[in-house]
Amino acid sequence: MRTARDLRAEFPHMKGFSRTNLYNMRAFVAAWSGEEPIVQTPSGQLSWSHNVALLNNVDDQELRHWYASLALQHG
């Protein structure tokens, strides 16, 4: 992915611009976009690895939101 290479060149001190991670970031925005800002949703309170696990294992948006909320309650 050219974008990943360009970002690594532009910001050499930053990490996380792998092709896979950029695809996951895009999937994250698509999955959690809605009326509320992303940082106000349960997903914004979970770690990135928890969000990636939800993206990779739960296809239904409402169920994903339920799992995220449950994780915060039992965190």
PDB file of N, CA and C in Angstrom:
ATOM      1  N   MET A   1       0.851  -1.173   0.000  1.00  0.00           N
ATOM      2  CA  MET A   1       0.000   0.000   0.000  1.00  0.00           C
ATOM      3  C   MET A   1       0.894   1.231   0.000  1.00  0.00           C
ATOM      4  N   ARG A   2       0.710   2.044  -0.982  1.00  0.00           N
ATOM      5  CA  ARG A   2       1.541   3.240  -1.126  1.00  0.00           C
ATOM      6  C   ARG A   2       1.328   4.212   0.033  1.00  0.00           C
ATOM      7  N   THR A   3       0.096   4.307   0.522  1.00  0.00           N
ATOM      8  CA  THR A   3      -0.203   5.223   1.624  1.00  0.00           C
ATOM      9  C   THR A   3       0.634   4.897   2.847  1.00  0.00           C
ATOM     10  N   ALA A   4       0.754   3.612   3.175  1.00  0.00           N
ATOM     11  CA  ALA A   4       1.552   3.203   4.331  1.00  0.00           C
ATOM     12  C   ALA A   4       3.010   3.636   4.144  1.00  0.00           C
ATOM     13  N   ARG A   5       3.554   3.423   2.978  1.00  0.00           N
ATOM     14  CA  ARG A   5       4.942   3.802   2.696  1.00  0.00           C
ATOM     15  C   ARG A   5       5.120   5.313   2.788  1.00  0.00           C
ATOM     16  N   ASP A   6       4.176   6.052   2.208  1.00  0.00           N
ATOM     17  CA  ASP A   6       4.252   7.514   2.246  1.00  0.00           C
ATOM     18  C   ASP A   6       4.163   8.051   3.676  1.00  0.00           C
ATOM     19  N   LEU A   7       3.276   7.481   4.488  1.00  0.00           N
ATOM     20  CA  LEU A   7       3.153   7.929   5.877  1.00  0.00           C
ATOM     21  C   LEU A   7       4.410   7.628   6.682  1.00  0.00           C
ATOM     22  N   ARG A   8       4.991   6.439   6.465  1.00  0.00           N
ATOM     23  CA  ARG A   8       6.236   6.096   7.176  1.00  0.00           C
ATOM     24  C   ARG A   8       7.359   7.046   6.777  1.00  0.00           C
ATOM     25  N   ALA A   9       7.415   7.440   5.508  1.00  0.00           N
ATOM     26  CA  ALA A   9       8.449   8.368   5.045  1.00  0.00           C
ATOM     27  C   ALA A   9       8.230   9.771   5.621  1.00  0.00           C
ATOM     28  N   GLU A  10       6.984  10.196   5.684  1.00  0.00           N
ATOM     29  CA  GLU A  10       6.659  11.535   6.180  1.00  0.00           C
ATOM     30  C   GLU A  10       6.793  11.649   7.695  1.00  0.00           C
ATOM     31  N   PHE A  11       6.505  10.560   8.400  1.00  0.00           N
ATOM     32  CA  PHE A  11       6.544  10.559   9.862  1.00  0.00           C
ATOM     33  C   PHE A  11       7.407   9.402  10.367  1.00  0.00           C
ATOM     34  N   PRO A  12       8.704   9.455  10.155  1.00  0.00           N
ATOM     35  CA  PRO A  12       9.576   8.316  10.499  1.00  0.00           C
ATOM     36  C   PRO A  12       9.610   8.002  11.995  1.00  0.00           C
ATOM     37  N   HIS A  13       9.274   8.962  12.829  1.00  0.00           N
ATOM     38  CA  HIS A  13       9.300   8.738  14.279  1.00  0.00           C
ATOM     39  C   HIS A  13       8.026   8.059  14.784  1.00  0.00           C
ATOM     40  N   MET A  14       7.010   7.942  13.943  1.00  0.00           N
ATOM     41  CA  MET A  14       5.744   7.327  14.343  1.00  0.00           C
ATOM     42  C   MET A  14       5.674   5.883  13.878  1.00  0.00           C
ATOM     43  N   LYS A  15       4.933   5.079  14.621  1.00  0.00           N
ATOM     44  CA  LYS A  15       4.756   3.668  14.270  1.00  0.00           C
ATOM     45  C   LYS A  15       3.284   3.397  14.014  1.00  0.00           C
ATOM     46  N   GLY A  16       2.985   2.258  13.409  1.00  0.00           N
ATOM     47  CA  GLY A  16       1.608   1.840  13.196  1.00  0.00           C
ATOM     48  C   GLY A  16       1.077   2.054  11.797  1.00  0.00           C
ATOM     49  N   PHE A  17       1.961   2.378  10.844  1.00  0.00           N
ATOM     50  CA  PHE A  17       1.507   2.646   9.486  1.00  0.00           C
ATOM     51  C   PHE A  17       1.678   1.446   8.559  1.00  0.00           C
ATOM     52  N   SER A  18       1.509   0.254   9.095  1.00  0.00           N
ATOM     53  CA  SER A  18       1.585  -0.922   8.228  1.00  0.00           C
ATOM     54  C   SER A  18       0.331  -0.994   7.363  1.00  0.00           C
ATOM     55  N   ARG A  19       0.409  -1.730   6.305  1.00  0.00           N
ATOM     56  CA  ARG A  19      -0.731  -1.901   5.408  1.00  0.00           C
ATOM     57  C   ARG A  19      -1.922  -2.478   6.173  1.00  0.00           C
ATOM     58  N   THR A  20      -1.672  -3.511   6.968  1.00  0.00           N
ATOM     59  CA  THR A  20      -2.745  -4.147   7.740  1.00  0.00           C
ATOM     60  C   THR A  20      -3.366  -3.176   8.728  1.00  0.00           C
ATOM     61  N   ASN A  21      -2.537  -2.418   9.422  1.00  0.00           N
ATOM     62  CA  ASN A  21      -3.063  -1.495  10.416  1.00  0.00           C
ATOM     63  C   ASN A  21      -3.880  -0.386   9.761  1.00  0.00           C
ATOM     64  N   LEU A  22      -3.453   0.092   8.596  1.00  0.00           N
ATOM     65  CA  LEU A  22      -4.240   1.116   7.897  1.00  0.00           C
ATOM     66  C   LEU A  22      -5.589   0.566   7.449  1.00  0.00           C
ATOM     67  N   TYR A  23      -5.618  -0.681   6.989  1.00  0.00           N
ATOM     68  CA  TYR A  23      -6.895  -1.292   6.645  1.00  0.00           C
ATOM     69  C   TYR A  23      -7.771  -1.418   7.884  1.00  0.00           C
ATOM     70  N   ASN A  24      -7.173  -1.807   9.018  1.00  0.00           N
ATOM     71  CA  ASN A  24      -7.934  -1.913  10.262  1.00  0.00           C
ATOM     72  C   ASN A  24      -8.452  -0.547  10.712  1.00  0.00           C
ATOM     73  N   MET A  25      -7.656   0.504  10.543  1.00  0.00           N
ATOM     74  CA  MET A  25      -8.105   1.851  10.908  1.00  0.00           C
ATOM     75  C   MET A  25      -9.295   2.259  10.054  1.00  0.00           C
ATOM     76  N   ARG A  26      -9.226   1.961   8.778  1.00  0.00           N
ATOM     77  CA  ARG A  26     -10.334   2.300   7.880  1.00  0.00           C
ATOM     78  C   ARG A  26     -11.589   1.507   8.246  1.00  0.00           C
ATOM     79  N   ALA A  27     -11.409   0.228   8.549  1.00  0.00           N
ATOM     80  CA  ALA A  27     -12.544  -0.606   8.956  1.00  0.00           C
ATOM     81  C   ALA A  27     -13.141  -0.101  10.266  1.00  0.00           C
ATOM     82  N   PHE A  28     -12.283   0.351  11.165  1.00  0.00           N
ATOM     83  CA  PHE A  28     -12.728   0.893  12.449  1.00  0.00           C
ATOM     84  C   PHE A  28     -13.637   2.103  12.242  1.00  0.00           C
ATOM     85  N   VAL A  29     -13.208   3.038  11.414  1.00  0.00           N
ATOM     86  CA  VAL A  29     -14.008   4.239  11.166  1.00  0.00           C
ATOM     87  C   VAL A  29     -15.338   3.857  10.499  1.00  0.00           C
ATOM     88  N   ALA A  30     -15.295   2.937   9.550  1.00  0.00           N
ATOM     89  CA  ALA A  30     -16.523   2.528   8.870  1.00  0.00           C
ATOM     90  C   ALA A  30     -17.477   1.809   9.826  1.00  0.00           C
ATOM     91  N   ALA A  31     -16.924   0.982  10.702  1.00  0.00           N
ATOM     92  CA  ALA A  31     -17.756   0.194  11.608  1.00  0.00           C
ATOM     93  C   ALA A  31     -18.358   1.025  12.724  1.00  0.00           C
ATOM     94  N   TRP A  32     -17.637   2.015  13.204  1.00  0.00           N
ATOM     95  CA  TRP A  32     -18.095   2.778  14.359  1.00  0.00           C
ATOM     96  C   TRP A  32     -18.641   4.150  13.991  1.00  0.00           C
ATOM     97  N   SER A  33     -18.684   4.482  12.725  1.00  0.00           N
ATOM     98  CA  SER A  33     -19.192   5.802  12.356  1.00  0.00           C
ATOM     99  C   SER A  33     -20.695   5.847  12.596  1.00  0.00           C
ATOM    100  N   GLY A  34     -21.154   6.996  12.949  1.00  0.00           N
ATOM    101  CA  GLY A  34     -22.574   7.172  13.233  1.00  0.00           C
ATOM    102  C   GLY A  34     -22.814   8.588  13.706  1.00  0.00           C
ATOM    103  N   GLU A  35     -23.895   8.759  14.427  1.00  0.00           N
ATOM    104  CA  GLU A  35     -24.256  10.085  14.892  1.00  0.00           C
ATOM    105  C   GLU A  35     -23.308  10.603  15.969  1.00  0.00           C
ATOM    106  N   GLU A  36     -22.856   9.723  16.839  1.00  0.00           N
ATOM    107  CA  GLU A  36     -21.972  10.138  17.924  1.00  0.00           C
ATOM    108  C   GLU A  36     -20.521  10.135  17.457  1.00  0.00           C
ATOM    109  N   PRO A  37     -19.710  11.051  17.998  1.00  0.00           N
ATOM    110  CA  PRO A  37     -18.272  11.010  17.673  1.00  0.00           C
ATOM    111  C   PRO A  37     -17.665   9.690  18.135  1.00  0.00           C
ATOM    112  N   ILE A  38     -16.681   9.220  17.427  1.00  0.00           N
ATOM    113  CA  ILE A  38     -16.060   7.934  17.756  1.00  0.00           C
ATOM    114  C   ILE A  38     -15.558   7.912  19.197  1.00  0.00           C
ATOM    115  N   VAL A  39     -14.980   8.988  19.664  1.00  0.00           N
ATOM    116  CA  VAL A  39     -14.416   8.974  21.019  1.00  0.00           C
ATOM    117  C   VAL A  39     -15.482   8.876  22.098  1.00  0.00           C
ATOM    118  N   GLN A  40     -16.744   9.106  21.763  1.00  0.00           N
ATOM    119  CA  GLN A  40     -17.809   9.014  22.753  1.00  0.00           C
ATOM    120  C   GLN A  40     -18.442   7.628  22.806  1.00  0.00           C
ATOM    121  N   THR A  41     -18.097   6.761  21.892  1.00  0.00           N
ATOM    122  CA  THR A  41     -18.662   5.416  21.884  1.00  0.00           C
ATOM    123  C   THR A  41     -17.829   4.503  22.771  1.00  0.00           C
ATOM    124  N   PRO A  42     -18.366   3.353  23.148  1.00  0.00           N
ATOM    125  CA  PRO A  42     -17.580   2.403  23.942  1.00  0.00           C
ATOM    126  C   PRO A  42     -16.270   2.011  23.264  1.00  0.00           C
ATOM    127  N   SER A  43     -16.289   1.975  21.931  1.00  0.00           N
ATOM    128  CA  SER A  43     -15.066   1.592  21.218  1.00  0.00           C
ATOM    129  C   SER A  43     -13.921   2.554  21.499  1.00  0.00           C
ATOM    130  N   GLY A  44     -14.247   3.821  21.727  1.00  0.00           N
ATOM    131  CA  GLY A  44     -13.216   4.814  22.010  1.00  0.00           C
ATOM    132  C   GLY A  44     -12.579   4.629  23.372  1.00  0.00           C
ATOM    133  N   GLN A  45     -13.217   3.858  24.221  1.00  0.00           N
ATOM    134  CA  GLN A  45     -12.707   3.615  25.559  1.00  0.00           C
ATOM    135  C   GLN A  45     -11.961   2.289  25.656  1.00  0.00           C
ATOM    136  N   LEU A  46     -12.027   1.499  24.588  1.00  0.00           N
ATOM    137  CA  LEU A  46     -11.324   0.215  24.553  1.00  0.00           C
ATOM    138  C   LEU A  46      -9.964   0.377  23.892  1.00  0.00           C
ATOM    139  N   SER A  47      -9.071  -0.535  24.183  1.00  0.00           N
ATOM    140  CA  SER A  47      -7.757  -0.514  23.543  1.00  0.00           C
ATOM    141  C   SER A  47      -7.911  -0.860  22.059  1.00  0.00           C
ATOM    142  N   TRP A  48      -6.905  -0.526  21.292  1.00  0.00           N
ATOM    143  CA  TRP A  48      -6.923  -0.828  19.856  1.00  0.00           C
ATOM    144  C   TRP A  48      -7.043  -2.328  19.633  1.00  0.00           C
ATOM    145  N   SER A  49      -6.337  -3.130  20.423  1.00  0.00           N
ATOM    146  CA  SER A  49      -6.394  -4.581  20.224  1.00  0.00           C
ATOM    147  C   SER A  49      -7.797  -5.121  20.507  1.00  0.00           C
ATOM    148  N   HIS A  50      -8.494  -4.549  21.481  1.00  0.00           N
ATOM    149  CA  HIS A  50      -9.876  -4.970  21.730  1.00  0.00           C
ATOM    150  C   HIS A  50     -10.772  -4.602  20.539  1.00  0.00           C
ATOM    151  N   ASN A  51     -10.588  -3.421  19.986  1.00  0.00           N
ATOM    152  CA  ASN A  51     -11.376  -3.000  18.828  1.00  0.00           C
ATOM    153  C   ASN A  51     -11.110  -3.884  17.624  1.00  0.00           C
ATOM    154  N   VAL A  52      -9.853  -4.229  17.392  1.00  0.00           N
ATOM    155  CA  VAL A  52      -9.515  -5.094  16.261  1.00  0.00           C
ATOM    156  C   VAL A  52     -10.142  -6.467  16.460  1.00  0.00           C
ATOM    157  N   ALA A  53     -10.124  -6.986  17.699  1.00  0.00           N
ATOM    158  CA  ALA A  53     -10.759  -8.276  17.976  1.00  0.00           C
ATOM    159  C   ALA A  53     -12.254  -8.217  17.669  1.00  0.00           C
ATOM    160  N   LEU A  54     -12.916  -7.127  18.059  1.00  0.00           N
ATOM    161  CA  LEU A  54     -14.342  -6.989  17.756  1.00  0.00           C
ATOM    162  C   LEU A  54     -14.582  -6.904  16.252  1.00  0.00           C
ATOM    163  N   LEU A  55     -13.744  -6.156  15.546  1.00  0.00           N
ATOM    164  CA  LEU A  55     -13.896  -6.023  14.090  1.00  0.00           C
ATOM    165  C   LEU A  55     -13.728  -7.360  13.383  1.00  0.00           C
ATOM    166  N   ASN A  56     -12.769  -8.158  13.871  1.00  0.00           N
ATOM    167  CA  ASN A  56     -12.464  -9.423  13.207  1.00  0.00           C
ATOM    168  C   ASN A  56     -13.409 -10.552  13.586  1.00  0.00           C
ATOM    169  N   ASN A  57     -14.142 -10.411  14.697  1.00  0.00           N
ATOM    170  CA  ASN A  57     -14.949 -11.523  15.187  1.00  0.00           C
ATOM    171  C   ASN A  57     -16.452 -11.261  15.230  1.00  0.00           C
ATOM    172  N   VAL A  58     -16.873 -10.020  15.113  1.00  0.00           N
ATOM    173  CA  VAL A  58     -18.298  -9.700  15.214  1.00  0.00           C
ATOM    174  C   VAL A  58     -18.704  -8.853  14.005  1.00  0.00           C
ATOM    175  N   ASP A  59     -19.541  -9.402  13.143  1.00  0.00           N
ATOM    176  CA  ASP A  59     -19.945  -8.693  11.930  1.00  0.00           C
ATOM    177  C   ASP A  59     -21.108  -7.725  12.165  1.00  0.00           C
ATOM    178  N   ASP A  60     -21.969  -8.036  13.099  1.00  0.00           N
ATOM    179  CA  ASP A  60     -23.155  -7.223  13.337  1.00  0.00           C
ATOM    180  C   ASP A  60     -22.813  -5.998  14.185  1.00  0.00           C
ATOM    181  N   GLN A  61     -23.159  -4.809  13.676  1.00  0.00           N
ATOM    182  CA  GLN A  61     -22.823  -3.548  14.357  1.00  0.00           C
ATOM    183  C   GLN A  61     -23.442  -3.467  15.752  1.00  0.00           C
ATOM    184  N   GLU A  62     -24.717  -3.821  15.891  1.00  0.00           N
ATOM    185  CA  GLU A  62     -25.365  -3.740  17.198  1.00  0.00           C
ATOM    186  C   GLU A  62     -24.738  -4.705  18.193  1.00  0.00           C
ATOM    187  N   LEU A  63     -24.423  -5.899  17.742  1.00  0.00           N
ATOM    188  CA  LEU A  63     -23.784  -6.886  18.610  1.00  0.00           C
ATOM    189  C   LEU A  63     -22.375  -6.430  18.993  1.00  0.00           C
ATOM    190  N   ARG A  64     -21.651  -5.831  18.044  1.00  0.00           N
ATOM    191  CA  ARG A  64     -20.322  -5.301  18.331  1.00  0.00           C
ATOM    192  C   ARG A  64     -20.402  -4.216  19.403  1.00  0.00           C
ATOM    193  N   HIS A  65     -21.384  -3.344  19.293  1.00  0.00           N
ATOM    194  CA  HIS A  65     -21.580  -2.292  20.286  1.00  0.00           C
ATOM    195  C   HIS A  65     -21.918  -2.900  21.658  1.00  0.00           C
ATOM    196  N   TRP A  66     -22.751  -3.932  21.657  1.00  0.00           N
ATOM    197  CA  TRP A  66     -23.123  -4.598  22.909  1.00  0.00           C
ATOM    198  C   TRP A  66     -21.894  -5.209  23.582  1.00  0.00           C
ATOM    199  N   TYR A  67     -21.073  -5.904  22.808  1.00  0.00           N
ATOM    200  CA  TYR A  67     -19.853  -6.496  23.363  1.00  0.00           C
ATOM    201  C   TYR A  67     -18.911  -5.417  23.901  1.00  0.00           C
ATOM    202  N   ALA A  68     -18.774  -4.321  23.190  1.00  0.00           N
ATOM    203  CA  ALA A  68     -17.907  -3.236  23.649  1.00  0.00           C
ATOM    204  C   ALA A  68     -18.413  -2.659  24.968  1.00  0.00           C
ATOM    205  N   SER A  69     -19.714  -2.438  25.065  1.00  0.00           N
ATOM    206  CA  SER A  69     -20.305  -1.927  26.299  1.00  0.00           C
ATOM    207  C   SER A  69     -20.116  -2.904  27.452  1.00  0.00           C
ATOM    208  N   LEU A  70     -20.305  -4.184  27.169  1.00  0.00           N
ATOM    209  CA  LEU A  70     -20.120  -5.220  28.185  1.00  0.00           C
ATOM    210  C   LEU A  70     -18.670  -5.258  28.672  1.00  0.00           C
ATOM    211  N   ALA A  71     -17.748  -5.132  27.751  1.00  0.00           N
ATOM    212  CA  ALA A  71     -16.327  -5.135  28.127  1.00  0.00           C
ATOM    213  C   ALA A  71     -16.004  -3.978  29.055  1.00  0.00           C
ATOM    214  N   LEU A  72     -16.602  -2.819  28.828  1.00  0.00           N
ATOM    215  CA  LEU A  72     -16.367  -1.664  29.688  1.00  0.00           C
ATOM    216  C   LEU A  72     -16.968  -1.852  31.071  1.00  0.00           C
ATOM    217  N   GLN A  73     -18.124  -2.498  31.145  1.00  0.00           N
ATOM    218  CA  GLN A  73     -18.771  -2.740  32.434  1.00  0.00           C
ATOM    219  C   GLN A  73     -17.983  -3.721  33.289  1.00  0.00           C
ATOM    220  N   HIS A  74     -17.315  -4.650  32.643  1.00  0.00           N
ATOM    221  CA  HIS A  74     -16.600  -5.701  33.368  1.00  0.00           C
ATOM    222  C   HIS A  74     -15.087  -5.514  33.308  1.00  0.00           C
ATOM    223  N   GLY A  75     -14.665  -4.358  32.763  1.00  0.00           N
ATOM    224  CA  GLY A  75     -13.270  -4.041  32.537  1.00  0.00           C
ATOM    225  C   GLY A  75     -12.411  -4.154  33.708  1.00  0.00           C
TER     226      GLY A  75
END
